[in-house]
Structure formats: C-alpha cells, structure tokens
Amino acid sequence: MKTELIIRSNSSDIDFALLKDGKLVELHNETLDNNFSVGDIFLAKVKKTLTGLNASFVNVGSEKDAFLHYHDLGPQLASLNKFIRQASTGKQKEFTLKDFRTEKDIDKNGKIDDAIKAGQNLLVQVVKEPISTKGPRISSELSIAGRYLVLVPFSDRVSVSQKITSTAEKERLKRLAQSIKPKGFGVILRTVAQDIKVAELDRDLQNSLQRWVNMCKQLPNAKAPQKVLSELNRASSILRDIFNDSFTSIVCNDESLHQEILEYLERIAPEKKSIAKYYKSRIPIFDHYGIEKQIKAAFGKTVSMKKGAYLVIEHTEALHVIDVNSGNRSNKANSQADTALEVNLIAAAEIARQLELRDMGGIIVVDFIDMHTAEHRKKLYDYLRNEMKSHRTKHKVLPPSKFGLVQITRQRVRPERNIKTKEENPNKGGEVEAPIVLIDKIEAELDKIMLKNEEGVTLHVHTFIASHLTKGLKSIQMKWFLKYKKWIKIIPRDAFPYLKYQFYDKNDKLIR
C-alpha cells in the first residue's frame, strides 16, 4: 500500500493529510499558537478540591481550569510531590532518579483532600485538549513518549502493548527493557517496538530521558502555571505515532519544516530520509494531491459511497448518529438480505475512515440497514472491528442489534475536525454543496447510464459547469469520449440552479 504524508504550512497553522493509495484517511491541524497539546507537561497550581466529586480544579493557565480526578493522580503521587519540592528548592540536582528514594504508593480508593491541597504546585500532563466549554483534562501520572517506548518516572513496571500478540516477542521486549531501563523509571513498549533491536530501543530511551532531565532543570525557576515540557511539534509527533516502513513519501511546502522532518528522520530512520521532499510548485500542495476535493466530499452531512450508497452524519451534544442508506442503486445481489449486507460492508469501511478523518469521539450510533440473520450481523461486526483495528485512538464496538444499530465508543482527546463544505451560491444567494464534488456525482451517474449502452446521451447543466466540462483540448468532455467511446453532448442551461444537472436520451427523454 502506498502511504503518503502531505504537509501544508502557512503563517498561522499546519495541516497534515495522510493518504493511503491516494485516498485521504487522516487529517490533522496544528495551530501555531496552541498552548495546550496532548502530552504537554505543566507546573500547575491546585485551585480547589471538590470532596463530593473526589476531584480538583487546577490552574494550568487556560481560560477554564483543568479538571483532575483522584484516579488521575497516579499511584506515585507522593514520590512526585516529594520530587517537586526538592527540585524546586534546589535540593534535588540529580534528575535521572538513580539516587532518589521513592515514597509508598497512595491508596487507590483514597480521598482527594488527603492527597493534594489548594495552593500547592503540581506537575500535570495534558491528556485531553480543551473542548467546547471544558478546560483541558489532565493527569499527574507523567509519561514521556518516544518512538518505540514510553518512559514513566517514579515507576518500576515494564509492560508491552496489547497489540503485540506474540508471547515470545513480548518476553523478548520485556527482557530488553529490563536490561536498559534506568532506576526509578518504568517503561511501556509501544506496538512499533516489535522486532526492533536493543540498540534502537536504548537510543530512543536515552532521548526521552534527556527530555525529562531538561524539563526538570526548569523547575527551580518555574512559576506556576507554566509549561515546562512541550510535546514534540505536531510534524514530529505525527511521524512518531504513524511512521512505518510502508511510507513512500513525506511532502511539505515549507522549507524549515522540511528540514525539521529530515532531522527527525535522521534520528529514527536514516535510511528513509530520501522519501522527504520539499514541494515548490505554484499550484497549492493540497490541490496538487487532490486533497481539497476529498475534504469537500468527505466532511459534509451527506457522504457518498460506491454503488450509489451514502451516509448521513448528524451531530448532537450527547452523541453522533450515522444513518446508512442504499440509495437508488439497482439490486444485482441474489436477495434483499444479500443487498443489505453488501451495502453495510461498504458503509462499514467508510464509517471507519470517517471516524478517523473527523476525529469523532464519544458515543457514535450507526443505523445500518436491517439484517435479519445472525450470520450477516456477525460478519458485519467482524468486518467493522477489523477496519477499525488500525485506529490509534482507544475505541470499543458493540455487536449489531436486531434492528441493525451498532454502538461505538471512541476516546476524545482533541476537538473534532469540523470543516464547512457548503459554499455561497453565486446564482440565487444562500449556500450550496461545494461545486468541486459535482463532477464526481455527474460521472457516477454517467457510469450507470453508459452501462446500459445508451446512445445519443445529452447532459444539461448550468452555464458555469458547462464551461468547466468543455474547457481545453484535454477537457472532461474529451476524457468521457475516450472512456465510453461515445460523445456526450453538453447543453448549457441559464435557467438551471447552480448545481442542477439532467441527462437526456437520443429522443430527448429525461433519463432516470
């Protein structure tokens, strides 16, 4: 599979588009003035404790105070508090923890008032960015994520990603981690650590350890609330999380960012440096790779799929609802039940893509087309779980009910991607669907018509669209002629609404 990461940078933010075989599967954005990213560590100040909720509000410098529940304090809180006091006063000058005496773990069923007090300083890490009216969600169980492993201060535990299924490989990784991990730190081996040699694991560990030490050096002069460790820039963090041997190119339109990517690749995979390319053309990078068109087609309320099926995606405060529709496609399957399964499997693949593309979180309810056999429901369930297997975000899929409803929970750590796809109608005012996706709709309809071997087909469209279809020697109209070996006549219609189109046969009868 061809995997490409396309990066568009401008003065205020950076967009990252992940393509697999040319199809957009992930879209991320980093605002350059974003003060709160998942993974950032702050020296924060406890504002007040809430006995009834067994939680506290913490000032991390955000407009809304962050929420910290007792269960997010982490078992090593006493050790962390002791370390903060000693580091802030200059008593603790050795930050690798090799001479630091850890304290007893706190009671997992304890009370917030016994653990922390209003006014005290606390090191916390952002686990969920501010969303809507809520402040960031934080934890005082700190971790430093590297390419292959996660370093956990004040712990001694070694664990391996559950996605690594080989018992022998798990044992190998645990053994290697035990041999290289420094005293006072725990290690979590990530999925990408599978089959990696000890030298690379150690190099990754030392990089994370150095980031921890650099953070600790700031503590004597830090004044809460203050960020003391920034997550890697989004380009590096995305590469850290998704980069693998299947990547064929990483293309960026910003020279300094391109240089950052080269330096990062030099550290994690020097043999892959050649796939990083600097894009210089005057044609916007997302237009060149067809990403803008895919964004307009994928982020609307209605999402078209192959064979005429489509999804309707609705958002409410409490949950997301996705409705699966078969459309007006012809039924070539053996039975109605087979048709329902076929459409549902097509929809399952697109839904898995949509969840990742829009970064949808919380509760998602999918209304698939009714399936009356347990065998078909199980087949759909297994297929959907397999399609979502590669998602890095924690999620759970429940089996379909008899009514075809599937419930999905998906961890929400960042605001959902919500892109406006409708545009101003230059014809009569108001808004219309993006014209950029209209040609795809026309071609899909034309494919169905030409399957019936129609002769003398005429397309009636708005004048603007007609001009676009017929422009130049290599026009879309000429492309259709080469594809179907028949000439499609195009008639401009001033009276048509901007996005209306109709096909007529050789007898000037409307084709349905």
Protein backbone atom coordinates (compact mmCIF):
# COMPACT_ATOMS: atom_id res chain seq x y z
CA MET A 1 0.00 0.00 0.00
CA LYS A 2 1.27 3.46 -0.95
CA THR A 3 1.33 5.72 2.13
CA GLU A 4 1.95 9.46 1.79
CA LEU A 5 2.00 12.27 4.36
CA ILE A 6 1.28 15.67 2.77
CA ILE A 7 2.01 18.72 4.95
CA ARG A 8 0.65 22.20 4.20
CA SER A 9 2.12 25.05 6.24
CA ASN A 10 1.05 28.69 6.35
CA SER A 11 1.61 31.60 8.73
CA SER A 12 -0.93 30.53 11.37
CA ASP A 13 -1.22 26.74 11.27
CA ILE A 14 -0.11 23.46 9.72
CA ASP A 15 -2.34 20.80 8.11
CA PHE A 16 -1.31 17.15 7.82
CA ALA A 17 -3.05 14.83 5.37
CA LEU A 18 -2.36 11.09 5.41
CA LEU A 19 -3.11 9.34 2.12
CA LYS A 20 -3.27 5.60 1.55
CA ASP A 21 -3.27 4.70 -2.15
CA GLY A 22 -4.28 8.31 -2.83
CA LYS A 23 -7.31 8.22 -0.50
CA LEU A 24 -7.47 10.65 2.41
CA VAL A 25 -7.65 8.68 5.70
CA GLU A 26 -6.44 11.17 8.33
CA LEU A 27 -6.44 14.96 8.57
CA HIS A 28 -4.74 16.83 11.42
CA ASN A 29 -4.24 20.51 12.17
CA GLU A 30 -1.78 22.29 14.43
CA THR A 31 -2.44 25.93 15.31
CA LEU A 32 0.92 27.51 15.94
CA ASP A 33 -0.32 29.47 18.99
CA ASN A 34 -1.97 26.41 20.56
CA ASN A 35 -0.97 26.40 24.24
CA PHE A 36 -2.43 23.01 25.09
CA SER A 37 -1.45 19.87 23.22
CA VAL A 38 -1.87 16.31 24.42
CA GLY A 39 1.42 15.34 26.11
CA ASP A 40 2.43 18.83 27.32
CA ILE A 41 3.58 18.98 30.96
CA PHE A 42 2.82 21.98 33.19
CA LEU A 43 3.88 23.12 36.62
CA ALA A 44 0.34 23.92 37.76
CA LYS A 45 -1.33 25.23 40.92
CA VAL A 46 -4.22 23.46 42.63
CA LYS A 47 -7.15 25.93 42.85
CA LYS A 48 -9.60 23.96 45.00
CA THR A 49 -10.60 20.41 45.85
CA LEU A 50 -14.14 19.06 45.38
CA THR A 51 -14.81 16.46 48.06
CA GLY A 52 -18.13 15.32 46.54
CA LEU A 53 -16.55 14.63 43.15
CA ASN A 54 -13.25 13.39 44.65
CA ALA A 55 -11.52 15.71 42.21
CA SER A 56 -9.94 19.15 41.97
CA PHE A 57 -9.73 22.16 39.69
CA VAL A 58 -6.19 23.07 38.70
CA ASN A 59 -4.86 26.28 37.15
CA VAL A 60 -2.72 25.45 34.10
CA GLY A 61 -3.06 28.89 32.51
CA SER A 62 -6.10 28.01 30.40
CA GLU A 63 -9.27 30.13 30.24
CA LYS A 64 -11.09 27.30 32.05
CA ASP A 65 -9.42 25.49 34.94
CA ALA A 66 -8.35 21.91 34.24
CA PHE A 67 -10.16 19.00 35.89
CA LEU A 68 -8.12 16.44 37.84
CA HIS A 69 -9.86 13.39 39.31
CA TYR A 70 -8.34 11.38 42.17
CA HIS A 71 -7.92 8.34 39.90
CA ASP A 72 -5.81 10.51 37.53
CA LEU A 73 -3.33 11.44 40.26
CA GLY A 74 -1.38 8.23 39.68
CA PRO A 75 -0.14 5.83 42.38
CA GLN A 76 3.26 7.55 42.57
CA LEU A 77 1.82 10.94 43.64
CA ALA A 78 3.71 11.01 46.96
CA SER A 79 7.01 10.45 45.14
CA LEU A 80 6.13 13.14 42.58
CA ASN A 81 5.25 15.70 45.27
CA LYS A 82 8.49 14.99 47.13
CA PHE A 83 10.48 15.36 43.89
CA ILE A 84 8.78 18.69 43.01
CA ARG A 85 9.58 20.13 46.46
CA GLN A 86 13.22 19.06 46.31
CA ALA A 87 13.76 20.10 42.67
CA SER A 88 12.07 23.49 43.13
CA THR A 89 14.23 24.35 46.17
CA GLY A 90 17.44 23.10 44.57
CA LYS A 91 17.90 20.17 46.98
CA GLN A 92 17.42 17.65 44.15
CA LYS A 93 20.08 18.18 41.49
CA GLU A 94 20.30 14.65 40.10
CA PHE A 95 17.29 14.29 37.79
CA THR A 96 17.85 10.76 36.47
CA LEU A 97 16.29 9.47 39.74
CA LYS A 98 19.05 6.91 40.32
CA ASP A 99 19.59 8.23 43.88
CA PHE A 100 16.01 9.31 44.54
CA ARG A 101 14.12 7.38 47.23
CA THR A 102 10.54 6.81 46.13
CA GLU A 103 7.61 7.01 48.54
CA LYS A 104 4.85 4.49 49.15
CA ASP A 105 2.07 4.44 46.52
CA ILE A 106 -1.11 6.28 47.51
CA ASP A 107 -4.33 4.39 48.29
CA LYS A 108 -6.22 3.72 45.05
CA ASN A 109 -9.51 4.30 46.91
CA GLY A 110 -8.35 7.37 48.81
CA LYS A 111 -9.75 10.91 49.09
CA ILE A 112 -8.65 13.96 47.12
CA ASP A 113 -8.37 16.10 50.28
CA ASP A 114 -5.79 13.69 51.73
CA ALA A 115 -3.69 13.70 48.54
CA ILE A 116 -3.41 17.35 47.45
CA LYS A 117 -4.23 20.75 48.93
CA ALA A 118 -5.41 24.05 47.45
CA GLY A 119 -2.47 26.33 46.63
CA GLN A 120 0.16 23.59 46.16
CA ASN A 121 2.21 23.22 42.99
CA LEU A 122 1.81 20.03 40.98
CA LEU A 123 3.32 18.63 37.78
CA VAL A 124 0.49 17.63 35.45
CA GLN A 125 0.23 16.37 31.87
CA VAL A 126 -2.49 17.22 29.34
CA VAL A 127 -4.43 14.07 28.35
CA LYS A 128 -7.34 15.85 26.63
CA GLU A 129 -7.22 19.26 24.95
CA PRO A 130 -9.83 21.94 25.82
CA ILE A 131 -13.07 21.03 24.02
CA SER A 132 -16.08 23.36 23.71
CA THR A 133 -16.68 24.93 27.15
CA LYS A 134 -14.49 22.43 29.03
CA GLY A 135 -10.94 23.05 30.15
CA PRO A 136 -8.13 20.56 29.49
CA ARG A 137 -8.27 17.14 31.16
CA ILE A 138 -5.03 16.41 32.99
CA SER A 139 -3.19 13.68 34.89
CA SER A 140 -0.29 13.79 37.33
CA GLU A 141 0.82 10.30 36.22
CA LEU A 142 3.52 11.60 33.88
CA SER A 143 4.98 9.85 30.85
CA ILE A 144 7.47 10.80 28.13
CA ALA A 145 6.54 9.20 24.79
CA GLY A 146 9.27 8.18 22.39
CA ARG A 147 9.20 6.39 19.05
CA TYR A 148 9.37 2.84 20.43
CA LEU A 149 8.69 3.21 24.14
CA VAL A 150 7.12 5.41 26.81
CA LEU A 151 9.18 6.39 29.85
CA VAL A 152 7.24 6.56 33.17
CA PRO A 153 9.01 8.38 36.04
CA PHE A 154 8.78 7.01 39.63
CA SER A 155 7.63 3.60 38.40
CA ASP A 156 9.44 0.29 38.10
CA ARG A 157 6.95 -1.52 35.86
CA VAL A 158 7.70 -2.86 32.36
CA SER A 159 4.73 -3.56 30.09
CA VAL A 160 4.17 -4.26 26.39
CA SER A 161 1.45 -3.08 24.01
CA GLN A 162 -1.50 -5.47 23.87
CA LYS A 163 -1.46 -5.17 20.07
CA ILE A 164 1.73 -7.27 20.05
CA THR A 165 0.22 -10.76 20.16
CA SER A 166 3.34 -12.96 20.06
CA THR A 167 4.19 -14.23 23.56
CA ALA A 168 7.82 -14.80 22.55
CA GLU A 169 8.15 -11.24 21.24
CA LYS A 170 6.55 -9.81 24.39
CA GLU A 171 9.04 -11.71 26.55
CA ARG A 172 11.96 -10.56 24.37
CA LEU A 173 10.92 -6.91 24.64
CA LYS A 174 10.38 -7.13 28.41
CA ARG A 175 13.81 -8.68 28.84
CA LEU A 176 15.47 -5.97 26.73
CA ALA A 177 13.61 -3.18 28.53
CA GLN A 178 14.66 -4.52 31.92
CA SER A 179 18.29 -4.54 30.78
CA ILE A 180 18.35 -0.89 29.60
CA LYS A 181 15.83 0.99 31.73
CA PRO A 182 17.28 3.40 34.31
CA LYS A 183 16.50 3.05 38.01
CA GLY A 184 13.40 4.98 39.06
CA PHE A 185 11.65 4.69 35.69
CA GLY A 186 9.10 2.31 34.25
CA VAL A 187 8.82 1.51 30.53
CA ILE A 188 5.89 0.80 28.22
CA LEU A 189 6.88 -0.81 24.89
CA ARG A 190 4.79 0.54 22.01
CA THR A 191 3.41 -1.55 19.14
CA VAL A 192 6.08 -0.25 16.73
CA ALA A 193 8.78 -1.71 19.01
CA GLN A 194 8.03 -5.18 17.61
CA ASP A 195 11.21 -6.76 16.13
CA ILE A 196 13.30 -3.67 16.98
CA LYS A 197 16.88 -4.24 18.18
CA VAL A 198 18.08 -3.27 21.65
CA ALA A 199 20.42 -0.53 20.34
CA GLU A 200 17.50 1.35 18.76
CA LEU A 201 15.36 0.88 21.87
CA ASP A 202 18.17 2.25 24.03
CA ARG A 203 18.72 5.27 21.76
CA ASP A 204 15.00 6.06 21.95
CA LEU A 205 15.03 5.65 25.75
CA GLN A 206 18.03 7.99 26.13
CA ASN A 207 16.28 10.66 24.02
CA SER A 208 13.21 10.50 26.28
CA LEU A 209 15.36 10.52 29.43
CA GLN A 210 17.17 13.63 28.20
CA ARG A 211 13.82 15.38 27.63
CA TRP A 212 12.87 14.56 31.24
CA VAL A 213 16.18 15.93 32.57
CA ASN A 214 15.84 19.13 30.52
CA MET A 215 12.33 19.61 31.91
CA CYS A 216 13.48 19.14 35.50
CA LYS A 217 16.22 21.78 35.09
CA GLN A 218 13.46 24.39 34.59
CA LEU A 219 11.70 23.65 37.90
CA PRO A 220 13.84 25.80 40.27
CA ASN A 221 12.94 28.96 38.30
CA ALA A 222 9.43 27.97 37.14
CA LYS A 223 6.37 29.81 38.47
CA ALA A 224 3.00 28.07 38.27
CA PRO A 225 1.16 27.95 35.97
CA GLN A 226 3.92 27.38 33.41
CA LYS A 227 4.54 24.88 30.62
CA VAL A 228 7.79 23.05 31.39
CA LEU A 229 7.76 20.43 28.63
CA SER A 230 6.18 20.77 25.20
CA GLU A 231 5.08 17.76 23.23
CA LEU A 232 7.14 17.39 20.07
CA ASN A 233 5.97 19.68 17.28
CA ARG A 234 2.98 18.14 15.53
CA ALA A 235 5.05 17.03 12.50
CA SER A 236 7.43 15.05 14.72
CA SER A 237 4.67 13.68 16.98
CA ILE A 238 2.59 12.52 13.99
CA LEU A 239 5.64 10.88 12.43
CA ARG A 240 6.46 9.28 15.78
CA ASP A 241 2.96 7.80 16.04
CA ILE A 242 2.22 6.75 12.46
CA PHE A 243 5.51 6.42 10.62
CA ASN A 244 6.39 2.92 9.44
CA ASP A 245 8.15 1.12 6.59
CA SER A 246 5.11 1.47 4.29
CA PHE A 247 5.63 5.25 3.93
CA THR A 248 6.59 6.11 0.37
CA SER A 249 6.77 9.91 0.65
CA ILE A 250 6.52 12.83 3.07
CA VAL A 251 5.93 16.05 1.14
CA CYS A 252 6.00 19.53 2.71
CA ASN A 253 5.64 23.05 1.26
CA ASP A 254 7.68 24.78 3.99
CA GLU A 255 11.48 24.67 3.81
CA SER A 256 12.18 24.99 7.56
CA LEU A 257 9.58 22.34 8.41
CA HIS A 258 11.06 20.11 5.70
CA GLN A 259 14.44 20.48 7.44
CA GLU A 260 12.86 19.51 10.80
CA ILE A 261 11.43 16.37 9.19
CA LEU A 262 14.82 15.46 7.72
CA GLU A 263 16.46 15.86 11.14
CA TYR A 264 13.77 13.73 12.81
CA LEU A 265 14.08 11.01 10.16
CA GLU A 266 17.85 11.09 10.63
CA ARG A 267 17.29 10.13 14.27
CA ILE A 268 14.57 7.48 13.85
CA ALA A 269 15.07 6.04 10.34
CA PRO A 270 18.08 7.46 8.44
CA GLU A 271 17.54 5.04 5.55
CA LYS A 272 14.18 6.73 4.89
CA LYS A 273 15.46 10.32 4.55
CA SER A 274 15.11 10.20 0.78
CA ILE A 275 11.29 9.98 0.97
CA ALA A 276 11.07 13.50 2.46
CA LYS A 277 10.51 16.01 -0.35
CA TYR A 278 10.20 19.80 -0.47
CA TYR A 279 7.25 20.98 -2.62
CA LYS A 280 7.94 24.18 -4.61
CA SER A 281 5.20 24.40 -7.26
CA ARG A 282 2.88 27.41 -7.56
CA ILE A 283 -0.11 25.05 -7.55
CA PRO A 284 -1.25 24.75 -3.88
CA ILE A 285 0.01 21.47 -2.42
CA PHE A 286 -3.43 20.18 -1.33
CA ASP A 287 -4.85 20.93 -4.80
CA HIS A 288 -1.97 19.10 -6.49
CA TYR A 289 -2.61 15.93 -4.48
CA GLY A 290 -6.41 16.14 -4.80
CA ILE A 291 -6.85 16.63 -1.05
CA GLU A 292 -9.07 19.73 -1.17
CA LYS A 293 -11.55 17.86 -3.36
CA GLN A 294 -11.58 14.88 -0.98
CA ILE A 295 -12.09 17.18 2.04
CA LYS A 296 -15.14 18.78 0.41
CA ALA A 297 -16.55 15.36 -0.45
CA ALA A 298 -15.87 13.76 2.94
CA PHE A 299 -16.83 16.39 5.52
CA GLY A 300 -20.40 17.21 4.53
CA LYS A 301 -23.55 16.00 6.25
CA THR A 302 -24.04 13.50 3.40
CA VAL A 303 -21.15 11.29 2.30
CA SER A 304 -21.42 9.41 -0.99
CA MET A 305 -20.04 5.89 -1.35
CA LYS A 306 -19.62 3.50 -4.27
CA LYS A 307 -22.61 1.76 -5.87
CA GLY A 308 -24.93 4.69 -5.04
CA ALA A 309 -25.00 4.13 -1.27
CA TYR A 310 -24.47 7.07 1.08
CA LEU A 311 -24.14 8.04 4.75
CA VAL A 312 -25.95 10.80 6.63
CA ILE A 313 -23.91 12.04 9.60
CA GLU A 314 -25.65 14.05 12.33
CA HIS A 315 -24.05 15.59 15.43
CA THR A 316 -25.77 16.28 18.75
CA GLU A 317 -24.41 17.44 22.10
CA ALA A 318 -24.54 13.91 23.52
CA LEU A 319 -23.63 11.68 20.57
CA HIS A 320 -23.09 11.25 16.84
CA VAL A 321 -25.62 9.44 14.67
CA ILE A 322 -24.74 7.85 11.31
CA ASP A 323 -27.50 6.58 9.01
CA VAL A 324 -26.66 4.11 6.23
CA ASN A 325 -28.71 4.37 3.02
CA SER A 326 -28.61 2.07 -0.01
CA GLY A 327 -29.61 4.86 -2.43
CA ASN A 328 -31.37 4.13 -5.70
CA ARG A 329 -28.86 1.52 -6.83
CA SER A 330 -30.02 -1.44 -8.83
CA ASN A 331 -30.21 -4.73 -6.95
CA LYS A 332 -27.85 -7.20 -8.53
CA ALA A 333 -27.46 -9.33 -5.41
CA ASN A 334 -29.24 -12.63 -5.02
CA SER A 335 -31.68 -11.37 -2.40
CA GLN A 336 -32.68 -8.38 -0.33
CA ALA A 337 -30.67 -9.79 2.60
CA ASP A 338 -27.52 -10.05 0.46
CA THR A 339 -28.04 -6.50 -0.79
CA ALA A 340 -28.34 -5.20 2.78
CA LEU A 341 -25.11 -6.98 3.77
CA GLU A 342 -23.26 -5.71 0.71
CA VAL A 343 -24.24 -2.08 1.38
CA ASN A 344 -23.49 -2.42 5.10
CA LEU A 345 -19.97 -3.73 4.41
CA ILE A 346 -19.29 -0.82 2.05
CA ALA A 347 -20.62 1.55 4.73
CA ALA A 348 -18.53 -0.06 7.49
CA ALA A 349 -15.30 0.67 5.62
CA GLU A 350 -16.33 4.29 5.02
CA ILE A 351 -17.50 4.77 8.63
CA ALA A 352 -14.13 3.53 9.94
CA ARG A 353 -12.47 6.09 7.66
CA GLN A 354 -14.85 8.89 8.69
CA LEU A 355 -14.28 8.35 12.42
CA GLU A 356 -10.55 8.74 11.98
CA LEU A 357 -10.78 11.51 9.41
CA ARG A 358 -13.09 13.69 11.51
CA ASP A 359 -11.56 12.51 14.79
CA MET A 360 -15.06 11.80 16.08
CA GLY A 361 -15.17 10.88 19.77
CA GLY A 362 -17.65 9.98 22.47
CA ILE A 363 -20.67 7.82 21.61
CA ILE A 364 -21.40 7.02 17.96
CA VAL A 365 -24.61 5.20 16.98
CA VAL A 366 -24.75 3.72 13.48
CA ASP A 367 -28.08 2.75 11.92
CA PHE A 368 -27.13 0.08 9.39
CA ILE A 369 -29.68 -1.41 7.01
CA ASP A 370 -31.69 -4.10 8.82
CA MET A 371 -30.18 -7.59 8.73
CA HIS A 372 -32.38 -10.48 9.79
CA THR A 373 -29.79 -13.25 10.06
CA ALA A 374 -27.30 -13.66 12.91
CA GLU A 375 -24.67 -14.78 10.40
CA HIS A 376 -24.85 -11.47 8.50
CA ARG A 377 -24.79 -9.41 11.70
CA LYS A 378 -21.66 -11.23 12.89
CA LYS A 379 -19.99 -10.79 9.50
CA LEU A 380 -20.64 -7.03 9.64
CA TYR A 381 -19.43 -6.80 13.24
CA ASP A 382 -16.17 -8.64 12.49
CA TYR A 383 -15.60 -6.58 9.36
CA LEU A 384 -16.15 -3.23 11.15
CA ARG A 385 -13.83 -4.22 14.01
CA ASN A 386 -11.15 -5.23 11.53
CA GLU A 387 -11.48 -1.93 9.63
CA MET A 388 -11.03 -0.02 12.90
CA LYS A 389 -8.14 -2.19 14.09
CA SER A 390 -5.54 0.29 12.87
CA HIS A 391 -7.07 3.24 14.78
CA ARG A 392 -4.63 4.53 17.38
CA THR A 393 -7.44 6.06 19.47
CA LYS A 394 -8.97 3.77 22.11
CA HIS A 395 -12.37 2.51 21.00
CA LYS A 396 -14.96 -0.19 21.56
CA VAL A 397 -17.50 -1.60 19.10
CA LEU A 398 -20.65 -3.40 20.31
CA PRO A 399 -22.33 -6.11 18.15
CA PRO A 400 -25.30 -5.04 15.96
CA SER A 401 -28.77 -5.26 17.48
CA LYS A 402 -31.62 -6.97 15.62
CA PHE A 403 -32.56 -3.52 14.30
CA GLY A 404 -29.11 -3.03 12.77
CA LEU A 405 -27.91 -0.50 15.37
CA VAL A 406 -24.21 -0.54 16.23
CA GLN A 407 -22.84 1.44 19.16
CA ILE A 408 -19.25 2.65 19.16
CA THR A 409 -17.36 4.49 21.88
CA ARG A 410 -14.21 6.32 20.85
CA GLN A 411 -11.85 8.26 23.06
CA ARG A 412 -11.98 12.01 22.52
CA VAL A 413 -8.69 13.82 23.25
CA ARG A 414 -8.94 16.72 20.79
CA PRO A 415 -11.79 18.80 19.36
CA GLU A 416 -13.48 17.09 16.43
CA ARG A 417 -12.48 18.17 12.92
CA ASN A 418 -15.41 20.15 11.57
CA ILE A 419 -14.93 21.64 8.11
CA LYS A 420 -17.54 23.80 6.38
CA THR A 421 -18.23 22.20 3.00
CA LYS A 422 -21.07 24.39 1.72
CA GLU A 423 -20.29 27.49 -0.33
CA GLU A 424 -22.09 30.66 -1.30
CA ASN A 425 -24.44 30.21 -4.26
CA PRO A 426 -23.49 32.86 -6.87
CA ASN A 427 -26.76 32.23 -8.71
CA LYS A 428 -29.57 32.93 -6.27
CA GLY A 429 -27.90 33.54 -2.88
CA GLY A 430 -27.83 31.16 0.06
CA GLU A 431 -25.50 28.17 0.19
CA VAL A 432 -24.97 25.08 -1.96
CA GLU A 433 -22.83 21.97 -1.73
CA ALA A 434 -19.27 22.51 -2.89
CA PRO A 435 -19.16 22.51 -6.73
CA ILE A 436 -15.80 20.70 -6.59
CA VAL A 437 -17.62 17.42 -5.83
CA LEU A 438 -20.30 17.91 -8.51
CA ILE A 439 -18.20 16.42 -11.32
CA ASP A 440 -17.76 13.20 -9.30
CA LYS A 441 -21.55 12.96 -8.91
CA ILE A 442 -22.12 13.56 -12.63
CA GLU A 443 -19.53 10.91 -13.56
CA ALA A 444 -21.05 8.37 -11.15
CA GLU A 445 -24.47 8.91 -12.76
CA LEU A 446 -22.95 8.73 -16.24
CA ASP A 447 -21.27 5.40 -15.41
CA LYS A 448 -24.68 3.89 -14.61
CA ILE A 449 -26.22 5.28 -17.80
CA MET A 450 -23.43 4.05 -20.06
CA LEU A 451 -23.65 0.54 -18.56
CA LYS A 452 -27.00 0.33 -20.36
CA ASN A 453 -25.20 1.20 -23.61
CA GLU A 454 -27.25 4.36 -24.16
CA GLU A 455 -26.84 6.21 -27.47
CA GLY A 456 -27.01 9.97 -28.03
CA VAL A 457 -26.78 10.98 -24.35
CA THR A 458 -27.04 14.72 -23.68
CA LEU A 459 -26.12 16.44 -20.43
CA HIS A 460 -27.93 19.66 -19.43
CA VAL A 461 -26.05 21.74 -16.82
CA HIS A 462 -25.67 25.31 -15.58
CA THR A 463 -23.60 27.56 -17.89
CA PHE A 464 -20.65 27.77 -15.45
CA ILE A 465 -20.42 23.98 -15.14
CA ALA A 466 -20.76 23.51 -18.92
CA SER A 467 -17.78 25.84 -19.44
CA HIS A 468 -15.70 23.82 -16.98
CA LEU A 469 -16.60 20.49 -18.66
CA THR A 470 -15.73 21.66 -22.18
CA LYS A 471 -12.66 23.79 -21.48
CA GLY A 472 -9.47 22.99 -23.41
CA LEU A 473 -8.27 20.20 -25.69
CA LYS A 474 -7.98 17.81 -22.73
CA SER A 475 -11.42 18.68 -21.42
CA ILE A 476 -13.54 16.43 -19.19
CA GLN A 477 -15.89 16.01 -22.14
CA MET A 478 -13.00 14.63 -24.23
CA LYS A 479 -11.98 12.35 -21.35
CA TRP A 480 -15.52 10.93 -21.33
CA PHE A 481 -15.34 10.31 -25.08
CA LEU A 482 -12.12 8.32 -24.68
CA LYS A 483 -13.59 6.38 -21.75
CA TYR A 484 -17.03 5.49 -23.19
CA LYS A 485 -16.18 5.66 -26.94
CA LYS A 486 -19.29 7.83 -27.30
CA TRP A 487 -19.67 11.59 -27.49
CA ILE A 488 -21.61 13.15 -24.58
CA LYS A 489 -23.22 16.36 -25.80
CA ILE A 490 -23.30 19.18 -23.21
CA ILE A 491 -26.06 21.82 -23.26
CA PRO A 492 -25.60 25.00 -21.12
CA ARG A 493 -28.81 26.00 -19.29
CA ASP A 494 -29.03 29.53 -17.86
CA ALA A 495 -32.26 28.72 -16.04
CA PHE A 496 -30.79 25.80 -14.07
CA PRO A 497 -29.80 26.26 -10.41
CA TYR A 498 -26.05 26.23 -9.98
CA LEU A 499 -25.65 22.51 -9.20
CA LYS A 500 -28.58 21.03 -11.11
CA TYR A 501 -27.92 18.62 -13.96
CA GLN A 502 -30.06 16.27 -16.10
CA PHE A 503 -29.32 13.55 -18.64
CA TYR A 504 -31.50 13.04 -21.74
CA ASP A 505 -31.53 10.17 -24.24
CA LYS A 506 -31.46 10.39 -28.05
CA ASN A 507 -35.24 11.01 -28.07
CA ASP A 508 -34.84 13.93 -25.66
CA LYS A 509 -36.49 11.99 -22.84
CA LEU A 510 -35.21 12.51 -19.31
CA ILE A 511 -33.11 9.58 -18.11
CA ARG A 512 -33.91 8.49 -14.58
